[in-house]
Amino acid sequence: MNAGRADLTAEEWEALQRLNRGAPEALLVPATILRRLTELGLALERAGQRRVSDRGKALILRHKDAKRR
């Protein structure tokens, strides 16, 4: 699935940004939201570590770039 910023709720978007900042903030993301972001291909959880996927990083960067314009 190719998710965009408009496909995320405010809570999901904030959670994605927390994941992008890394630990310890990534650990504050609720499991249900992490699961949703993982289903969308925006997040990963491996060996107990939560992080933003490459697709999630690209979405964050596109959003930052669009805000600058």
PDB file of N, CA and C in Angstrom:
ATOM      1  N   MET A   1       0.842  -1.178   0.000  1.00  0.00           N
ATOM      2  CA  MET A   1       0.000   0.000   0.000  1.00  0.00           C
ATOM      3  C   MET A   1       0.886   1.240   0.000  1.00  0.00           C
ATOM      4  N   ASN A   2       0.501   2.231  -0.742  1.00  0.00           N
ATOM      5  CA  ASN A   2       1.258   3.471  -0.839  1.00  0.00           C
ATOM      6  C   ASN A   2       0.534   4.543  -0.026  1.00  0.00           C
ATOM      7  N   ALA A   3       0.868   4.653   1.251  1.00  0.00           N
ATOM      8  CA  ALA A   3       0.190   5.588   2.142  1.00  0.00           C
ATOM      9  C   ALA A   3       0.833   6.958   2.071  1.00  0.00           C
ATOM     10  N   GLY A   4      -0.002   7.975   2.182  1.00  0.00           N
ATOM     11  CA  GLY A   4       0.463   9.349   2.215  1.00  0.00           C
ATOM     12  C   GLY A   4       0.084   9.991   3.530  1.00  0.00           C
ATOM     13  N   ARG A   5       0.468  11.222   3.702  1.00  0.00           N
ATOM     14  CA  ARG A   5       0.181  11.951   4.947  1.00  0.00           C
ATOM     15  C   ARG A   5      -1.324  12.020   5.197  1.00  0.00           C
ATOM     16  N   ALA A   6      -2.110  12.191   4.159  1.00  0.00           N
ATOM     17  CA  ALA A   6      -3.561  12.307   4.296  1.00  0.00           C
ATOM     18  C   ALA A   6      -4.205  10.998   4.767  1.00  0.00           C
ATOM     19  N   ASP A   7      -3.505   9.884   4.627  1.00  0.00           N
ATOM     20  CA  ASP A   7      -4.042   8.585   5.045  1.00  0.00           C
ATOM     21  C   ASP A   7      -3.848   8.323   6.534  1.00  0.00           C
ATOM     22  N   LEU A   8      -3.096   9.190   7.205  1.00  0.00           N
ATOM     23  CA  LEU A   8      -2.783   8.989   8.622  1.00  0.00           C
ATOM     24  C   LEU A   8      -3.580   9.945   9.492  1.00  0.00           C
ATOM     25  N   THR A   9      -3.990   9.440  10.660  1.00  0.00           N
ATOM     26  CA  THR A   9      -4.622  10.310  11.644  1.00  0.00           C
ATOM     27  C   THR A   9      -3.530  11.143  12.301  1.00  0.00           C
ATOM     28  N   ALA A  10      -3.927  12.132  13.055  1.00  0.00           N
ATOM     29  CA  ALA A  10      -2.954  12.967  13.769  1.00  0.00           C
ATOM     30  C   ALA A  10      -2.109  12.121  14.725  1.00  0.00           C
ATOM     31  N   GLU A  11      -2.735  11.149  15.377  1.00  0.00           N
ATOM     32  CA  GLU A  11      -2.024  10.274  16.311  1.00  0.00           C
ATOM     33  C   GLU A  11      -1.006   9.387  15.580  1.00  0.00           C
ATOM     34  N   GLU A  12      -1.406   8.874  14.423  1.00  0.00           N
ATOM     35  CA  GLU A  12      -0.497   8.027  13.642  1.00  0.00           C
ATOM     36  C   GLU A  12       0.690   8.839  13.135  1.00  0.00           C
ATOM     37  N   TRP A  13       0.426  10.066  12.687  1.00  0.00           N
ATOM     38  CA  TRP A  13       1.508  10.922  12.193  1.00  0.00           C
ATOM     39  C   TRP A  13       2.497  11.247  13.321  1.00  0.00           C
ATOM     40  N   GLU A  14       1.972  11.571  14.496  1.00  0.00           N
ATOM     41  CA  GLU A  14       2.837  11.856  15.641  1.00  0.00           C
ATOM     42  C   GLU A  14       3.652  10.622  16.018  1.00  0.00           C
ATOM     43  N   ALA A  15       3.012   9.458  15.973  1.00  0.00           N
ATOM     44  CA  ALA A  15       3.713   8.217  16.296  1.00  0.00           C
ATOM     45  C   ALA A  15       4.826   7.946  15.293  1.00  0.00           C
ATOM     46  N   LEU A  16       4.583   8.212  14.030  1.00  0.00           N
ATOM     47  CA  LEU A  16       5.613   8.024  13.004  1.00  0.00           C
ATOM     48  C   LEU A  16       6.805   8.937  13.283  1.00  0.00           C
ATOM     49  N   GLN A  17       6.529  10.166  13.685  1.00  0.00           N
ATOM     50  CA  GLN A  17       7.610  11.091  13.998  1.00  0.00           C
ATOM     51  C   GLN A  17       8.374  10.657  15.251  1.00  0.00           C
ATOM     52  N   ARG A  18       7.668  10.106  16.230  1.00  0.00           N
ATOM     53  CA  ARG A  18       8.337   9.572  17.427  1.00  0.00           C
ATOM     54  C   ARG A  18       9.269   8.426  17.047  1.00  0.00           C
ATOM     55  N   LEU A  19       8.784   7.550  16.178  1.00  0.00           N
ATOM     56  CA  LEU A  19       9.622   6.440  15.725  1.00  0.00           C
ATOM     57  C   LEU A  19      10.865   6.961  15.015  1.00  0.00           C
ATOM     58  N   ASN A  20      10.698   8.017  14.261  1.00  0.00           N
ATOM     59  CA  ASN A  20      11.813   8.604  13.522  1.00  0.00           C
ATOM     60  C   ASN A  20      12.874   9.175  14.471  1.00  0.00           C
ATOM     61  N   ARG A  21      12.436   9.681  15.620  1.00  0.00           N
ATOM     62  CA  ARG A  21      13.381  10.234  16.593  1.00  0.00           C
ATOM     63  C   ARG A  21      14.149   9.149  17.336  1.00  0.00           C
ATOM     64  N   GLY A  22      13.650   7.929  17.308  1.00  0.00           N
ATOM     65  CA  GLY A  22      14.353   6.803  17.934  1.00  0.00           C
ATOM     66  C   GLY A  22      14.034   6.653  19.410  1.00  0.00           C
ATOM     67  N   ALA A  23      14.798   5.755  20.037  1.00  0.00           N
ATOM     68  CA  ALA A  23      14.596   5.486  21.465  1.00  0.00           C
ATOM     69  C   ALA A  23      14.998   6.718  22.258  1.00  0.00           C
ATOM     70  N   PRO A  24      14.389   7.011  23.355  1.00  0.00           N
ATOM     71  CA  PRO A  24      13.313   6.280  24.021  1.00  0.00           C
ATOM     72  C   PRO A  24      11.916   6.633  23.504  1.00  0.00           C
ATOM     73  N   GLU A  25      11.800   7.656  22.657  1.00  0.00           N
ATOM     74  CA  GLU A  25      10.474   8.067  22.189  1.00  0.00           C
ATOM     75  C   GLU A  25       9.760   6.982  21.410  1.00  0.00           C
ATOM     76  N   ALA A  26      10.500   6.195  20.660  1.00  0.00           N
ATOM     77  CA  ALA A  26       9.885   5.132  19.861  1.00  0.00           C
ATOM     78  C   ALA A  26       9.172   4.113  20.751  1.00  0.00           C
ATOM     79  N   LEU A  27       9.642   3.975  21.974  1.00  0.00           N
ATOM     80  CA  LEU A  27       9.022   3.021  22.887  1.00  0.00           C
ATOM     81  C   LEU A  27       7.683   3.526  23.429  1.00  0.00           C
ATOM     82  N   LEU A  28       7.382   4.799  23.238  1.00  0.00           N
ATOM     83  CA  LEU A  28       6.128   5.374  23.715  1.00  0.00           C
ATOM     84  C   LEU A  28       4.971   5.165  22.736  1.00  0.00           C
ATOM     85  N   VAL A  29       5.260   4.665  21.554  1.00  0.00           N
ATOM     86  CA  VAL A  29       4.224   4.453  20.538  1.00  0.00           C
ATOM     87  C   VAL A  29       3.394   3.222  20.926  1.00  0.00           C
ATOM     88  N   PRO A  30       2.075   3.385  21.034  1.00  0.00           N
ATOM     89  CA  PRO A  30       1.220   2.241  21.381  1.00  0.00           C
ATOM     90  C   PRO A  30       1.316   1.127  20.327  1.00  0.00           C
ATOM     91  N   ALA A  31       1.192  -0.089  20.784  1.00  0.00           N
ATOM     92  CA  ALA A  31       1.319  -1.257  19.907  1.00  0.00           C
ATOM     93  C   ALA A  31       0.292  -1.242  18.777  1.00  0.00           C
ATOM     94  N   THR A  32      -0.918  -0.760  19.045  1.00  0.00           N
ATOM     95  CA  THR A  32      -1.949  -0.740  18.004  1.00  0.00           C
ATOM     96  C   THR A  32      -1.574   0.217  16.869  1.00  0.00           C
ATOM     97  N   ILE A  33      -1.026   1.360  17.222  1.00  0.00           N
ATOM     98  CA  ILE A  33      -0.615   2.320  16.191  1.00  0.00           C
ATOM     99  C   ILE A  33       0.608   1.799  15.454  1.00  0.00           C
ATOM    100  N   LEU A  34       1.538   1.191  16.172  1.00  0.00           N
ATOM    101  CA  LEU A  34       2.716   0.607  15.527  1.00  0.00           C
ATOM    102  C   LEU A  34       2.289  -0.456  14.521  1.00  0.00           C
ATOM    103  N   ARG A  35       1.324  -1.280  14.896  1.00  0.00           N
ATOM    104  CA  ARG A  35       0.817  -2.316  13.993  1.00  0.00           C
ATOM    105  C   ARG A  35       0.228  -1.694  12.730  1.00  0.00           C
ATOM    106  N   ARG A  36      -0.536  -0.630  12.874  1.00  0.00           N
ATOM    107  CA  ARG A  36      -1.152   0.058  11.722  1.00  0.00           C
ATOM    108  C   ARG A  36      -0.067   0.646  10.816  1.00  0.00           C
ATOM    109  N   LEU A  37       0.932   1.291  11.402  1.00  0.00           N
ATOM    110  CA  LEU A  37       2.020   1.866  10.608  1.00  0.00           C
ATOM    111  C   LEU A  37       2.817   0.774   9.904  1.00  0.00           C
ATOM    112  N   THR A  38       2.959  -0.364  10.549  1.00  0.00           N
ATOM    113  CA  THR A  38       3.654  -1.498   9.937  1.00  0.00           C
ATOM    114  C   THR A  38       2.852  -2.036   8.763  1.00  0.00           C
ATOM    115  N   GLU A  39       1.540  -2.140   8.925  1.00  0.00           N
ATOM    116  CA  GLU A  39       0.668  -2.600   7.830  1.00  0.00           C
ATOM    117  C   GLU A  39       0.756  -1.680   6.620  1.00  0.00           C
ATOM    118  N   LEU A  40       0.921  -0.388   6.879  1.00  0.00           N
ATOM    119  CA  LEU A  40       1.040   0.596   5.801  1.00  0.00           C
ATOM    120  C   LEU A  40       2.446   0.632   5.202  1.00  0.00           C
ATOM    121  N   GLY A  41       3.371  -0.097   5.815  1.00  0.00           N
ATOM    122  CA  GLY A  41       4.742  -0.129   5.319  1.00  0.00           C
ATOM    123  C   GLY A  41       5.584   1.061   5.757  1.00  0.00           C
ATOM    124  N   LEU A  42       5.124   1.769   6.788  1.00  0.00           N
ATOM    125  CA  LEU A  42       5.829   2.965   7.241  1.00  0.00           C
ATOM    126  C   LEU A  42       6.727   2.712   8.448  1.00  0.00           C
ATOM    127  N   ALA A  43       6.574   1.565   9.084  1.00  0.00           N
ATOM    128  CA  ALA A  43       7.355   1.251  10.282  1.00  0.00           C
ATOM    129  C   ALA A  43       7.765  -0.217  10.280  1.00  0.00           C
ATOM    130  N   LEU A  44       8.761  -0.510  11.092  1.00  0.00           N
ATOM    131  CA  LEU A  44       9.272  -1.877  11.248  1.00  0.00           C
ATOM    132  C   LEU A  44       9.496  -2.165  12.723  1.00  0.00           C
ATOM    133  N   GLU A  45       9.373  -3.418  13.081  1.00  0.00           N
ATOM    134  CA  GLU A  45       9.749  -3.844  14.432  1.00  0.00           C
ATOM    135  C   GLU A  45      10.537  -5.138  14.281  1.00  0.00           C
ATOM    136  N   ARG A  46      11.800  -5.067  14.633  1.00  0.00           N
ATOM    137  CA  ARG A  46      12.682  -6.232  14.530  1.00  0.00           C
ATOM    138  C   ARG A  46      13.495  -6.368  15.805  1.00  0.00           C
ATOM    139  N   ALA A  47      13.542  -7.563  16.321  1.00  0.00           N
ATOM    140  CA  ALA A  47      14.320  -7.869  17.520  1.00  0.00           C
ATOM    141  C   ALA A  47      14.024  -6.878  18.647  1.00  0.00           C
ATOM    142  N   GLY A  48      12.744  -6.517  18.789  1.00  0.00           N
ATOM    143  CA  GLY A  48      12.345  -5.609  19.847  1.00  0.00           C
ATOM    144  C   GLY A  48      12.641  -4.142  19.584  1.00  0.00           C
ATOM    145  N   GLN A  49      13.203  -3.838  18.438  1.00  0.00           N
ATOM    146  CA  GLN A  49      13.513  -2.448  18.093  1.00  0.00           C
ATOM    147  C   GLN A  49      12.457  -1.913  17.137  1.00  0.00           C
ATOM    148  N   ARG A  50      11.971  -0.741  17.437  1.00  0.00           N
ATOM    149  CA  ARG A  50      10.964  -0.085  16.596  1.00  0.00           C
ATOM    150  C   ARG A  50      11.653   1.009  15.798  1.00  0.00           C
ATOM    151  N   ARG A  51      11.326   1.081  14.499  1.00  0.00           N
ATOM    152  CA  ARG A  51      11.927   2.136  13.684  1.00  0.00           C
ATOM    153  C   ARG A  51      11.069   2.429  12.469  1.00  0.00           C
ATOM    154  N   VAL A  52      11.380   3.542  11.834  1.00  0.00           N
ATOM    155  CA  VAL A  52      10.677   3.962  10.623  1.00  0.00           C
ATOM    156  C   VAL A  52      11.292   3.222   9.438  1.00  0.00           C
ATOM    157  N   SER A  53      10.445   2.762   8.529  1.00  0.00           N
ATOM    158  CA  SER A  53      10.935   2.100   7.319  1.00  0.00           C
ATOM    159  C   SER A  53      11.443   3.159   6.347  1.00  0.00           C
ATOM    160  N   ASP A  54      12.072   2.720   5.278  1.00  0.00           N
ATOM    161  CA  ASP A  54      12.538   3.645   4.252  1.00  0.00           C
ATOM    162  C   ASP A  54      11.369   4.427   3.656  1.00  0.00           C
ATOM    163  N   ARG A  55      10.245   3.757   3.475  1.00  0.00           N
ATOM    164  CA  ARG A  55       9.049   4.421   2.939  1.00  0.00           C
ATOM    165  C   ARG A  55       8.539   5.484   3.916  1.00  0.00           C
ATOM    166  N   GLY A  56       8.597   5.168   5.215  1.00  0.00           N
ATOM    167  CA  GLY A  56       8.187   6.138   6.231  1.00  0.00           C
ATOM    168  C   GLY A  56       9.105   7.346   6.263  1.00  0.00           C
ATOM    169  N   LYS A  57      10.409   7.112   6.144  1.00  0.00           N
ATOM    170  CA  LYS A  57      11.368   8.225   6.117  1.00  0.00           C
ATOM    171  C   LYS A  57      11.127   9.122   4.903  1.00  0.00           C
ATOM    172  N   ALA A  58      10.846   8.502   3.762  1.00  0.00           N
ATOM    173  CA  ALA A  58      10.577   9.279   2.552  1.00  0.00           C
ATOM    174  C   ALA A  58       9.327  10.141   2.730  1.00  0.00           C
ATOM    175  N   LEU A  59       8.299   9.597   3.381  1.00  0.00           N
ATOM    176  CA  LEU A  59       7.076  10.350   3.624  1.00  0.00           C
ATOM    177  C   LEU A  59       7.353  11.550   4.532  1.00  0.00           C
ATOM    178  N   ILE A  60       8.117  11.351   5.576  1.00  0.00           N
ATOM    179  CA  ILE A  60       8.459  12.438   6.497  1.00  0.00           C
ATOM    180  C   ILE A  60       9.248  13.520   5.761  1.00  0.00           C
ATOM    181  N   LEU A  61      10.206  13.112   4.961  1.00  0.00           N
ATOM    182  CA  LEU A  61      11.017  14.089   4.223  1.00  0.00           C
ATOM    183  C   LEU A  61      10.185  14.857   3.199  1.00  0.00           C
ATOM    184  N   ARG A  62       9.273  14.168   2.509  1.00  0.00           N
ATOM    185  CA  ARG A  62       8.397  14.849   1.547  1.00  0.00           C
ATOM    186  C   ARG A  62       7.533  15.884   2.248  1.00  0.00           C
ATOM    187  N   HIS A  63       7.019  15.529   3.420  1.00  0.00           N
ATOM    188  CA  HIS A  63       6.165  16.440   4.168  1.00  0.00           C
ATOM    189  C   HIS A  63       6.966  17.668   4.626  1.00  0.00           C
ATOM    190  N   LYS A  64       8.186  17.453   5.118  1.00  0.00           N
ATOM    191  CA  LYS A  64       9.045  18.572   5.549  1.00  0.00           C
ATOM    192  C   LYS A  64       9.361  19.482   4.361  1.00  0.00           C
ATOM    193  N   ASP A  65       9.655  18.874   3.238  1.00  0.00           N
ATOM    194  CA  ASP A  65       9.993  19.649   2.041  1.00  0.00           C
ATOM    195  C   ASP A  65       8.791  20.474   1.571  1.00  0.00           C
ATOM    196  N   ALA A  66       7.609  19.897   1.618  1.00  0.00           N
ATOM    197  CA  ALA A  66       6.399  20.595   1.190  1.00  0.00           C
ATOM    198  C   ALA A  66       6.083  21.770   2.137  1.00  0.00           C
ATOM    199  N   LYS A  67       6.392  21.617   3.421  1.00  0.00           N
ATOM    200  CA  LYS A  67       6.159  22.686   4.372  1.00  0.00           C
ATOM    201  C   LYS A  67       7.073  23.883   4.126  1.00  0.00           C
ATOM    202  N   ARG A  68       8.273  23.620   3.625  1.00  0.00           N
ATOM    203  CA  ARG A  68       9.247  24.699   3.365  1.00  0.00           C
ATOM    204  C   ARG A  68       8.837  25.563   2.184  1.00  0.00           C
ATOM    205  N   ARG A  69       8.056  25.027   1.292  1.00  0.00           N
ATOM    206  CA  ARG A  69       7.684  25.769   0.065  1.00  0.00           C
ATOM    207  C   ARG A  69       6.622  26.779   0.319  1.00  0.00           C
TER     208      ARG A  69
END
